[in-house]
Amino acid sequence: MYKAVANVLICVILWALIPVVSKSGQSTLNNHQFLFWSSLISFITFIIILLFQKKTAHVVKLRIKDWVKSVILGLLGTYLYYILLYYGYANAKGIEVLIIQYCWPIFVIVLSLFILREKLNIRKVISVLLGFLGVFLVLTKGKFTDIYLDNLYVDGIVLLAAFVFGLFSVLSKKIRIDSIVLVTVYFATATLSSFVSMISLSEFKLPATDTLLPVLINGIFVNGISYIFWIKALKLGKASFIAPFVFLTPVISAILLILFFNEPFQVIYIVGMVSVILGGLVNRN
């Protein structure tokens, strides 16, 4: 389990950079353009890794059913999830979207009961509740009256995004393909899909000089290499054990926002962090 925890913690740290790179990268690009360039860079990164590790033969040896499974999962976790999520950020309050977004670890635990036949126990329930409480405290800064679910359509879209990524995570645990090869196919699918949606719903646009660095960081690390650690974590440990650690992501994100964008520090962040850590400890084996 230690290897699983190590992998998921690396993934959490990388995912915690999302608010920083997204806020910087989308200053001149819209969501379709940002997703396309990030996906393309992720795809190129994994092509280089494939060549370096001499695993190109593994791609050729993939069976048709492996291709089908990989493409479907790529559409779910590296395209559809982000398109739905970015739609939510564009049409609802950011704090509202973030709270709904982090329902996906709960979906991982629920779906793992039916798809992976994992058993539910009181520790897992308490772990999820503590984790979500920590996220809720950090994102609301303890001001519960600031949350208004007054846009049920958009909230439903974001909830669907959370479900999509939860389903993607659980199904990724079942697929038996080399992690590097699998993620390469994921981002090949995301690149093609986001290009089509960009051309159809937006326009082709090159990243400006000031957005190039965050796009590169997002493509290589945040939405790229992080997937390797996430899939490895899922394969090394039970999905229901791994999922609560994800609640650390928005807590770390809040700290990074304070450092990079001089947002005010709140004592409630400490309370949220303690709640999340307790959630992880409760669910330990």
C-alpha atoms as a PDB file:
ATOM      1  CA  MET A   1       0.000   0.000   0.000  1.00  0.00           C
ATOM      2  CA  TYR A   2       2.962   2.354   0.577  1.00  0.00           C
ATOM      3  CA  LYS A   3       3.761   2.421  -3.138  1.00  0.00           C
ATOM      4  CA  ALA A   4       0.110   3.181  -3.924  1.00  0.00           C
ATOM      5  CA  VAL A   5       0.116   6.068  -1.436  1.00  0.00           C
ATOM      6  CA  ALA A   6       3.408   7.425  -2.830  1.00  0.00           C
ATOM      7  CA  ASN A   7       2.026   7.407  -6.372  1.00  0.00           C
ATOM      8  CA  VAL A   8      -1.255   9.064  -5.449  1.00  0.00           C
ATOM      9  CA  LEU A   9       0.517  11.772  -3.420  1.00  0.00           C
ATOM     10  CA  ILE A  10       2.730  12.665  -6.396  1.00  0.00           C
ATOM     11  CA  CYS A  11      -0.416  12.792  -8.520  1.00  0.00           C
ATOM     12  CA  VAL A  12      -2.164  15.000  -5.957  1.00  0.00           C
ATOM     13  CA  ILE A  13       0.737  17.481  -5.935  1.00  0.00           C
ATOM     14  CA  LEU A  14       0.684  17.705  -9.729  1.00  0.00           C
ATOM     15  CA  TRP A  15      -3.121  18.062  -9.858  1.00  0.00           C
ATOM     16  CA  ALA A  16      -2.899  20.804  -7.231  1.00  0.00           C
ATOM     17  CA  LEU A  17      -1.193  22.960  -9.869  1.00  0.00           C
ATOM     18  CA  ILE A  18      -4.364  23.013 -12.007  1.00  0.00           C
ATOM     19  CA  PRO A  19      -5.771  26.312 -10.639  1.00  0.00           C
ATOM     20  CA  VAL A  20      -2.407  28.057 -11.110  1.00  0.00           C
ATOM     21  CA  VAL A  21      -1.695  26.883 -14.674  1.00  0.00           C
ATOM     22  CA  SER A  22      -5.344  27.213 -15.727  1.00  0.00           C
ATOM     23  CA  LYS A  23      -5.630  30.746 -14.409  1.00  0.00           C
ATOM     24  CA  SER A  24      -2.382  31.730 -16.143  1.00  0.00           C
ATOM     25  CA  GLY A  25      -2.853  29.682 -19.325  1.00  0.00           C
ATOM     26  CA  GLN A  26      -6.390  30.824 -20.083  1.00  0.00           C
ATOM     27  CA  SER A  27      -5.584  34.526 -20.024  1.00  0.00           C
ATOM     28  CA  THR A  28      -5.516  34.534 -23.847  1.00  0.00           C
ATOM     29  CA  LEU A  29      -6.938  31.088 -24.698  1.00  0.00           C
ATOM     30  CA  ASN A  30     -10.492  29.823 -24.161  1.00  0.00           C
ATOM     31  CA  ASN A  31     -11.281  26.414 -22.715  1.00  0.00           C
ATOM     32  CA  HIS A  32     -11.346  24.583 -26.081  1.00  0.00           C
ATOM     33  CA  GLN A  33      -8.004  26.054 -27.165  1.00  0.00           C
ATOM     34  CA  PHE A  34      -6.364  25.487 -23.793  1.00  0.00           C
ATOM     35  CA  LEU A  35      -7.524  21.854 -23.708  1.00  0.00           C
ATOM     36  CA  PHE A  36      -6.286  21.202 -27.275  1.00  0.00           C
ATOM     37  CA  TRP A  37      -2.786  22.579 -26.735  1.00  0.00           C
ATOM     38  CA  SER A  38      -2.449  20.871 -23.369  1.00  0.00           C
ATOM     39  CA  SER A  39      -3.586  17.537 -24.829  1.00  0.00           C
ATOM     40  CA  LEU A  40      -1.249  17.876 -27.811  1.00  0.00           C
ATOM     41  CA  ILE A  41       1.741  18.567 -25.563  1.00  0.00           C
ATOM     42  CA  SER A  42       0.764  15.625 -23.336  1.00  0.00           C
ATOM     43  CA  PHE A  43       0.568  13.384 -26.406  1.00  0.00           C
ATOM     44  CA  ILE A  44       3.985  14.510 -27.677  1.00  0.00           C
ATOM     45  CA  THR A  45       5.456  13.965 -24.197  1.00  0.00           C
ATOM     46  CA  PHE A  46       4.275  10.357 -24.117  1.00  0.00           C
ATOM     47  CA  ILE A  47       5.428   9.684 -27.667  1.00  0.00           C
ATOM     48  CA  ILE A  48       8.923  10.729 -26.549  1.00  0.00           C
ATOM     49  CA  ILE A  49       8.647   8.507 -23.456  1.00  0.00           C
ATOM     50  CA  LEU A  50       7.489   5.593 -25.640  1.00  0.00           C
ATOM     51  CA  LEU A  51      10.483   6.021 -27.940  1.00  0.00           C
ATOM     52  CA  PHE A  52      12.905   6.437 -25.036  1.00  0.00           C
ATOM     53  CA  GLN A  53      11.634   3.284 -23.316  1.00  0.00           C
ATOM     54  CA  LYS A  54      11.440   1.427 -26.651  1.00  0.00           C
ATOM     55  CA  LYS A  55       7.788   0.521 -26.135  1.00  0.00           C
ATOM     56  CA  THR A  56       6.494   1.409 -29.598  1.00  0.00           C
ATOM     57  CA  ALA A  57       6.154  -2.315 -30.334  1.00  0.00           C
ATOM     58  CA  HIS A  58       3.593  -2.524 -27.532  1.00  0.00           C
ATOM     59  CA  VAL A  59       1.347  -0.133 -29.464  1.00  0.00           C
ATOM     60  CA  VAL A  60       1.497  -2.269 -32.594  1.00  0.00           C
ATOM     61  CA  LYS A  61       0.641  -5.383 -30.588  1.00  0.00           C
ATOM     62  CA  LEU A  62      -2.545  -3.884 -29.128  1.00  0.00           C
ATOM     63  CA  ARG A  63      -5.617  -5.893 -30.051  1.00  0.00           C
ATOM     64  CA  ILE A  64      -8.685  -4.242 -31.534  1.00  0.00           C
ATOM     65  CA  LYS A  65     -10.617  -4.607 -28.271  1.00  0.00           C
ATOM     66  CA  ASP A  66      -7.701  -2.975 -26.412  1.00  0.00           C
ATOM     67  CA  TRP A  67      -7.837  -0.027 -28.814  1.00  0.00           C
ATOM     68  CA  VAL A  68     -11.589   0.295 -28.334  1.00  0.00           C
ATOM     69  CA  LYS A  69     -11.316   0.217 -24.527  1.00  0.00           C
ATOM     70  CA  SER A  70      -8.415   2.691 -24.500  1.00  0.00           C
ATOM     71  CA  VAL A  71     -10.129   5.165 -26.845  1.00  0.00           C
ATOM     72  CA  ILE A  72     -13.372   5.043 -24.848  1.00  0.00           C
ATOM     73  CA  LEU A  73     -11.491   5.659 -21.604  1.00  0.00           C
ATOM     74  CA  GLY A  74      -9.533   8.459 -23.275  1.00  0.00           C
ATOM     75  CA  LEU A  75     -12.771  10.117 -24.331  1.00  0.00           C
ATOM     76  CA  LEU A  76     -14.068   9.845 -20.775  1.00  0.00           C
ATOM     77  CA  GLY A  77     -11.094  10.888 -18.673  1.00  0.00           C
ATOM     78  CA  THR A  78      -8.984  13.175 -20.853  1.00  0.00           C
ATOM     79  CA  TYR A  79     -11.633  14.874 -22.988  1.00  0.00           C
ATOM     80  CA  LEU A  80     -15.254  14.695 -21.797  1.00  0.00           C
ATOM     81  CA  TYR A  81     -14.360  15.316 -18.157  1.00  0.00           C
ATOM     82  CA  TYR A  82     -12.477  18.522 -18.947  1.00  0.00           C
ATOM     83  CA  ILE A  83     -14.975  19.838 -21.495  1.00  0.00           C
ATOM     84  CA  LEU A  84     -17.820  19.464 -18.974  1.00  0.00           C
ATOM     85  CA  LEU A  85     -15.722  20.883 -16.156  1.00  0.00           C
ATOM     86  CA  TYR A  86     -14.566  23.931 -18.135  1.00  0.00           C
ATOM     87  CA  TYR A  87     -18.176  24.557 -19.139  1.00  0.00           C
ATOM     88  CA  GLY A  88     -19.053  24.672 -15.465  1.00  0.00           C
ATOM     89  CA  TYR A  89     -16.301  27.156 -14.661  1.00  0.00           C
ATOM     90  CA  ALA A  90     -17.476  29.388 -17.510  1.00  0.00           C
ATOM     91  CA  ASN A  91     -21.125  29.426 -16.412  1.00  0.00           C
ATOM     92  CA  ALA A  92     -21.244  29.131 -12.612  1.00  0.00           C
ATOM     93  CA  LYS A  93     -19.476  30.384  -9.508  1.00  0.00           C
ATOM     94  CA  GLY A  94     -15.991  28.901  -9.216  1.00  0.00           C
ATOM     95  CA  ILE A  95     -16.418  27.882  -5.577  1.00  0.00           C
ATOM     96  CA  GLU A  96     -19.676  26.129  -6.406  1.00  0.00           C
ATOM     97  CA  VAL A  97     -18.059  24.193  -9.273  1.00  0.00           C
ATOM     98  CA  LEU A  98     -15.054  23.156  -7.187  1.00  0.00           C
ATOM     99  CA  ILE A  99     -17.202  21.685  -4.427  1.00  0.00           C
ATOM    100  CA  ILE A 100     -19.347  19.708  -6.869  1.00  0.00           C
ATOM    101  CA  GLN A 101     -16.260  18.663  -8.852  1.00  0.00           C
ATOM    102  CA  TYR A 102     -14.735  16.974  -5.826  1.00  0.00           C
ATOM    103  CA  CYS A 103     -17.639  14.590  -5.556  1.00  0.00           C
ATOM    104  CA  TRP A 104     -15.708  12.370  -7.985  1.00  0.00           C
ATOM    105  CA  PRO A 105     -13.697  10.506  -5.302  1.00  0.00           C
ATOM    106  CA  ILE A 106     -17.065   9.611  -3.776  1.00  0.00           C
ATOM    107  CA  PHE A 107     -18.169   8.275  -7.169  1.00  0.00           C
ATOM    108  CA  VAL A 108     -14.936   6.220  -7.280  1.00  0.00           C
ATOM    109  CA  ILE A 109     -15.833   4.552  -4.005  1.00  0.00           C
ATOM    110  CA  VAL A 110     -19.493   3.980  -4.971  1.00  0.00           C
ATOM    111  CA  LEU A 111     -18.664   2.655  -8.455  1.00  0.00           C
ATOM    112  CA  SER A 112     -15.891   0.426  -7.094  1.00  0.00           C
ATOM    113  CA  LEU A 113     -18.538  -1.368  -5.025  1.00  0.00           C
ATOM    114  CA  PHE A 114     -20.477  -2.353  -8.160  1.00  0.00           C
ATOM    115  CA  ILE A 115     -17.790  -2.613 -10.841  1.00  0.00           C
ATOM    116  CA  LEU A 116     -14.778  -3.842  -8.839  1.00  0.00           C
ATOM    117  CA  ARG A 117     -16.802  -5.665  -6.170  1.00  0.00           C
ATOM    118  CA  GLU A 118     -14.929  -3.897  -3.366  1.00  0.00           C
ATOM    119  CA  LYS A 119     -16.483  -3.963   0.083  1.00  0.00           C
ATOM    120  CA  LEU A 120     -17.787  -0.882   1.883  1.00  0.00           C
ATOM    121  CA  ASN A 121     -16.991  -0.396   5.552  1.00  0.00           C
ATOM    122  CA  ILE A 122     -17.489   2.328   8.127  1.00  0.00           C
ATOM    123  CA  ARG A 123     -13.885   3.541   7.813  1.00  0.00           C
ATOM    124  CA  LYS A 124     -14.338   4.281   4.105  1.00  0.00           C
ATOM    125  CA  VAL A 125     -17.572   6.157   4.777  1.00  0.00           C
ATOM    126  CA  ILE A 126     -15.995   8.265   7.539  1.00  0.00           C
ATOM    127  CA  SER A 127     -12.896   8.849   5.389  1.00  0.00           C
ATOM    128  CA  VAL A 128     -14.924  10.243   2.498  1.00  0.00           C
ATOM    129  CA  LEU A 129     -17.051  12.409   4.789  1.00  0.00           C
ATOM    130  CA  LEU A 130     -13.969  13.869   6.505  1.00  0.00           C
ATOM    131  CA  GLY A 131     -12.256  14.433   3.167  1.00  0.00           C
ATOM    132  CA  PHE A 132     -15.234  16.200   1.634  1.00  0.00           C
ATOM    133  CA  LEU A 133     -15.713  18.242   4.824  1.00  0.00           C
ATOM    134  CA  GLY A 134     -12.109  19.417   4.543  1.00  0.00           C
ATOM    135  CA  VAL A 135     -12.594  20.447   0.913  1.00  0.00           C
ATOM    136  CA  PHE A 136     -15.878  22.175   1.748  1.00  0.00           C
ATOM    137  CA  LEU A 137     -14.294  24.157   4.605  1.00  0.00           C
ATOM    138  CA  VAL A 138     -11.362  25.292   2.466  1.00  0.00           C
ATOM    139  CA  LEU A 139     -13.425  26.281  -0.548  1.00  0.00           C
ATOM    140  CA  THR A 140     -16.144  28.098   1.432  1.00  0.00           C
ATOM    141  CA  LYS A 141     -13.627  29.516   3.955  1.00  0.00           C
ATOM    142  CA  GLY A 142     -16.206  28.569   6.572  1.00  0.00           C
ATOM    143  CA  LYS A 143     -18.846  30.899   5.098  1.00  0.00           C
ATOM    144  CA  PHE A 144     -21.537  28.355   4.298  1.00  0.00           C
ATOM    145  CA  THR A 145     -24.070  31.004   3.314  1.00  0.00           C
ATOM    146  CA  ASP A 146     -21.914  31.891   0.276  1.00  0.00           C
ATOM    147  CA  ILE A 147     -22.997  28.687  -1.457  1.00  0.00           C
ATOM    148  CA  TYR A 148     -26.083  28.987  -3.641  1.00  0.00           C
ATOM    149  CA  LEU A 149     -27.027  26.207  -5.999  1.00  0.00           C
ATOM    150  CA  ASP A 150     -29.044  28.582  -8.163  1.00  0.00           C
ATOM    151  CA  ASN A 151     -27.995  27.132 -11.522  1.00  0.00           C
ATOM    152  CA  LEU A 152     -29.122  23.532 -11.392  1.00  0.00           C
ATOM    153  CA  TYR A 153     -28.441  22.866 -15.099  1.00  0.00           C
ATOM    154  CA  VAL A 154     -24.764  23.869 -14.851  1.00  0.00           C
ATOM    155  CA  ASP A 155     -24.447  22.157 -11.467  1.00  0.00           C
ATOM    156  CA  GLY A 156     -25.777  19.005 -13.110  1.00  0.00           C
ATOM    157  CA  ILE A 157     -23.172  19.305 -15.868  1.00  0.00           C
ATOM    158  CA  VAL A 158     -20.373  19.542 -13.294  1.00  0.00           C
ATOM    159  CA  LEU A 159     -21.814  16.634 -11.321  1.00  0.00           C
ATOM    160  CA  LEU A 160     -21.841  14.635 -14.568  1.00  0.00           C
ATOM    161  CA  ALA A 161     -18.169  15.570 -15.048  1.00  0.00           C
ATOM    162  CA  ALA A 162     -17.412  14.231 -11.555  1.00  0.00           C
ATOM    163  CA  PHE A 163     -19.246  11.007 -12.376  1.00  0.00           C
ATOM    164  CA  VAL A 164     -17.349  10.693 -15.678  1.00  0.00           C
ATOM    165  CA  PHE A 165     -13.941  10.951 -14.002  1.00  0.00           C
ATOM    166  CA  GLY A 166     -15.007   8.566 -11.250  1.00  0.00           C
ATOM    167  CA  LEU A 167     -16.088   6.037 -13.881  1.00  0.00           C
ATOM    168  CA  PHE A 168     -12.869   6.600 -15.848  1.00  0.00           C
ATOM    169  CA  SER A 169     -10.765   5.935 -12.740  1.00  0.00           C
ATOM    170  CA  VAL A 170     -12.563   2.713 -11.824  1.00  0.00           C
ATOM    171  CA  LEU A 171     -12.535   1.341 -15.385  1.00  0.00           C
ATOM    172  CA  SER A 172      -8.822   2.221 -15.758  1.00  0.00           C
ATOM    173  CA  LYS A 173      -8.107  -0.173 -12.900  1.00  0.00           C
ATOM    174  CA  LYS A 174      -9.619  -3.050 -14.886  1.00  0.00           C
ATOM    175  CA  ILE A 175      -7.755  -2.534 -18.159  1.00  0.00           C
ATOM    176  CA  ARG A 176      -4.575  -4.604 -18.591  1.00  0.00           C
ATOM    177  CA  ILE A 177      -2.331  -2.489 -20.807  1.00  0.00           C
ATOM    178  CA  ASP A 178       1.099  -0.982 -20.120  1.00  0.00           C
ATOM    179  CA  SER A 179       0.547   2.362 -18.339  1.00  0.00           C
ATOM    180  CA  ILE A 180       2.708   4.399 -20.749  1.00  0.00           C
ATOM    181  CA  VAL A 181       1.033   2.911 -23.811  1.00  0.00           C
ATOM    182  CA  LEU A 182      -2.413   3.379 -22.275  1.00  0.00           C
ATOM    183  CA  VAL A 183      -1.898   7.048 -21.398  1.00  0.00           C
ATOM    184  CA  THR A 184      -0.410   7.700 -24.855  1.00  0.00           C
ATOM    185  CA  VAL A 185      -3.615   6.426 -26.433  1.00  0.00           C
ATOM    186  CA  TYR A 186      -5.635   8.489 -23.960  1.00  0.00           C
ATOM    187  CA  PHE A 187      -3.995  11.726 -25.045  1.00  0.00           C
ATOM    188  CA  ALA A 188      -4.010  10.832 -28.723  1.00  0.00           C
ATOM    189  CA  THR A 189      -7.781  10.532 -28.314  1.00  0.00           C
ATOM    190  CA  ALA A 190      -7.983  13.771 -26.316  1.00  0.00           C
ATOM    191  CA  THR A 191      -5.894  15.663 -28.879  1.00  0.00           C
ATOM    192  CA  LEU A 192      -8.078  14.597 -31.797  1.00  0.00           C
ATOM    193  CA  SER A 193     -11.330  15.164 -29.876  1.00  0.00           C
ATOM    194  CA  SER A 194     -10.333  18.591 -28.557  1.00  0.00           C
ATOM    195  CA  PHE A 195      -9.129  19.649 -32.014  1.00  0.00           C
ATOM    196  CA  VAL A 196     -12.514  18.786 -33.506  1.00  0.00           C
ATOM    197  CA  SER A 197     -14.388  20.643 -30.733  1.00  0.00           C
ATOM    198  CA  MET A 198     -12.029  23.636 -31.009  1.00  0.00           C
ATOM    199  CA  ILE A 199     -12.575  23.953 -34.759  1.00  0.00           C
ATOM    200  CA  SER A 200     -16.314  23.337 -34.425  1.00  0.00           C
ATOM    201  CA  LEU A 201     -17.095  25.480 -31.378  1.00  0.00           C
ATOM    202  CA  SER A 202     -14.248  27.980 -31.306  1.00  0.00           C
ATOM    203  CA  GLU A 203     -11.262  28.810 -33.539  1.00  0.00           C
ATOM    204  CA  PHE A 204      -7.663  27.752 -34.005  1.00  0.00           C
ATOM    205  CA  LYS A 205      -5.297  29.958 -32.012  1.00  0.00           C
ATOM    206  CA  LEU A 206      -1.625  29.688 -31.059  1.00  0.00           C
ATOM    207  CA  PRO A 207      -0.677  30.250 -27.398  1.00  0.00           C
ATOM    208  CA  ALA A 208       0.745  33.709 -26.720  1.00  0.00           C
ATOM    209  CA  THR A 209       4.208  34.092 -25.202  1.00  0.00           C
ATOM    210  CA  ASP A 210       2.850  34.708 -21.700  1.00  0.00           C
ATOM    211  CA  THR A 211       0.648  31.590 -21.807  1.00  0.00           C
ATOM    212  CA  LEU A 212       3.189  29.201 -23.338  1.00  0.00           C
ATOM    213  CA  LEU A 213       4.875  28.217 -20.054  1.00  0.00           C
ATOM    214  CA  PRO A 214       1.656  27.334 -18.163  1.00  0.00           C
ATOM    215  CA  VAL A 215       0.408  25.418 -21.218  1.00  0.00           C
ATOM    216  CA  LEU A 216       3.669  23.433 -21.310  1.00  0.00           C
ATOM    217  CA  ILE A 217       3.558  22.725 -17.559  1.00  0.00           C
ATOM    218  CA  ASN A 218      -0.085  21.683 -17.818  1.00  0.00           C
ATOM    219  CA  GLY A 219       0.498  19.463 -20.839  1.00  0.00           C
ATOM    220  CA  ILE A 220       3.673  17.762 -19.620  1.00  0.00           C
ATOM    221  CA  PHE A 221       3.046  17.399 -15.897  1.00  0.00           C
ATOM    222  CA  VAL A 222      -0.428  18.372 -14.665  1.00  0.00           C
ATOM    223  CA  ASN A 223      -2.587  16.679 -17.310  1.00  0.00           C
ATOM    224  CA  GLY A 224       0.172  14.411 -18.624  1.00  0.00           C
ATOM    225  CA  ILE A 225       2.588  12.550 -16.390  1.00  0.00           C
ATOM    226  CA  SER A 226       0.136  12.773 -13.466  1.00  0.00           C
ATOM    227  CA  TYR A 227      -2.051  10.158 -15.193  1.00  0.00           C
ATOM    228  CA  ILE A 228       0.751   7.589 -14.964  1.00  0.00           C
ATOM    229  CA  PHE A 229       0.956   7.992 -11.195  1.00  0.00           C
ATOM    230  CA  TRP A 230      -2.857   7.908 -10.877  1.00  0.00           C
ATOM    231  CA  ILE A 231      -3.222   4.695 -12.874  1.00  0.00           C
ATOM    232  CA  LYS A 232      -0.295   3.074 -11.011  1.00  0.00           C
ATOM    233  CA  ALA A 233      -1.862   4.055  -7.689  1.00  0.00           C
ATOM    234  CA  LEU A 234      -5.173   2.501  -8.732  1.00  0.00           C
ATOM    235  CA  LYS A 235      -3.439  -0.734  -9.783  1.00  0.00           C
ATOM    236  CA  LEU A 236      -1.346  -0.952  -6.604  1.00  0.00           C
ATOM    237  CA  GLY A 237      -4.178  -0.309  -4.135  1.00  0.00           C
ATOM    238  CA  LYS A 238      -7.927  -0.529  -3.794  1.00  0.00           C
ATOM    239  CA  ALA A 239      -9.752   2.294  -5.540  1.00  0.00           C
ATOM    240  CA  SER A 240     -11.810   3.009  -2.426  1.00  0.00           C
ATOM    241  CA  PHE A 241      -8.576   3.324  -0.389  1.00  0.00           C
ATOM    242  CA  ILE A 242      -6.850   5.604  -2.904  1.00  0.00           C
ATOM    243  CA  ALA A 243      -9.778   7.963  -3.633  1.00  0.00           C
ATOM    244  CA  PRO A 244      -9.896   9.870  -0.287  1.00  0.00           C
ATOM    245  CA  PHE A 245      -6.279  11.047  -0.733  1.00  0.00           C
ATOM    246  CA  VAL A 246      -7.486  13.119  -3.686  1.00  0.00           C
ATOM    247  CA  PHE A 247      -9.216  15.452  -1.220  1.00  0.00           C
ATOM    248  CA  LEU A 248      -5.733  16.841  -0.466  1.00  0.00           C
ATOM    249  CA  THR A 249      -5.628  18.373  -3.968  1.00  0.00           C
ATOM    250  CA  PRO A 250      -7.818  21.463  -3.426  1.00  0.00           C
ATOM    251  CA  VAL A 251      -6.239  22.070  -0.022  1.00  0.00           C
ATOM    252  CA  ILE A 252      -2.761  22.214  -1.601  1.00  0.00           C
ATOM    253  CA  SER A 253      -4.242  24.268  -4.454  1.00  0.00           C
ATOM    254  CA  ALA A 254      -5.446  26.849  -1.948  1.00  0.00           C
ATOM    255  CA  ILE A 255      -1.922  27.121  -0.525  1.00  0.00           C
ATOM    256  CA  LEU A 256      -0.448  27.548  -4.014  1.00  0.00           C
ATOM    257  CA  LEU A 257      -2.973  30.260  -4.838  1.00  0.00           C
ATOM    258  CA  ILE A 258      -1.861  32.120  -1.725  1.00  0.00           C
ATOM    259  CA  LEU A 259       1.790  31.836  -2.775  1.00  0.00           C
ATOM    260  CA  PHE A 260       1.383  32.634  -6.487  1.00  0.00           C
ATOM    261  CA  PHE A 261      -1.525  35.086  -6.484  1.00  0.00           C
ATOM    262  CA  ASN A 262      -1.198  36.606  -2.990  1.00  0.00           C
ATOM    263  CA  GLU A 263      -4.651  35.448  -1.952  1.00  0.00           C
ATOM    264  CA  PRO A 264      -5.278  35.974   1.791  1.00  0.00           C
ATOM    265  CA  PHE A 265      -4.506  33.109   4.188  1.00  0.00           C
ATOM    266  CA  GLN A 266      -7.431  31.743   6.184  1.00  0.00           C
ATOM    267  CA  VAL A 267      -7.186  29.840   9.475  1.00  0.00           C
ATOM    268  CA  ILE A 268      -9.952  27.597   8.111  1.00  0.00           C
ATOM    269  CA  TYR A 269      -7.345  26.156   5.689  1.00  0.00           C
ATOM    270  CA  ILE A 270      -5.604  24.508   8.647  1.00  0.00           C
ATOM    271  CA  VAL A 271      -8.901  23.029   9.838  1.00  0.00           C
ATOM    272  CA  GLY A 272      -9.576  21.733   6.326  1.00  0.00           C
ATOM    273  CA  MET A 273      -6.105  20.196   6.049  1.00  0.00           C
ATOM    274  CA  VAL A 274      -6.496  18.439   9.416  1.00  0.00           C
ATOM    275  CA  SER A 275      -9.882  17.060   8.338  1.00  0.00           C
ATOM    276  CA  VAL A 276      -8.410  15.708   5.087  1.00  0.00           C
ATOM    277  CA  ILE A 277      -5.400  14.127   6.833  1.00  0.00           C
ATOM    278  CA  LEU A 278      -7.680  12.499   9.409  1.00  0.00           C
ATOM    279  CA  GLY A 279      -9.753  11.124   6.537  1.00  0.00           C
ATOM    280  CA  GLY A 280      -6.663   9.495   5.034  1.00  0.00           C
ATOM    281  CA  LEU A 281      -5.585   8.056   8.386  1.00  0.00           C
ATOM    282  CA  VAL A 282      -9.036   6.625   9.087  1.00  0.00           C
ATOM    283  CA  ASN A 283      -8.966   4.743   5.785  1.00  0.00           C
ATOM    284  CA  ARG A 284      -5.468   3.293   6.164  1.00  0.00           C
ATOM    285  CA  ASN A 285      -5.080  -0.493   6.148  1.00  0.00           C
END
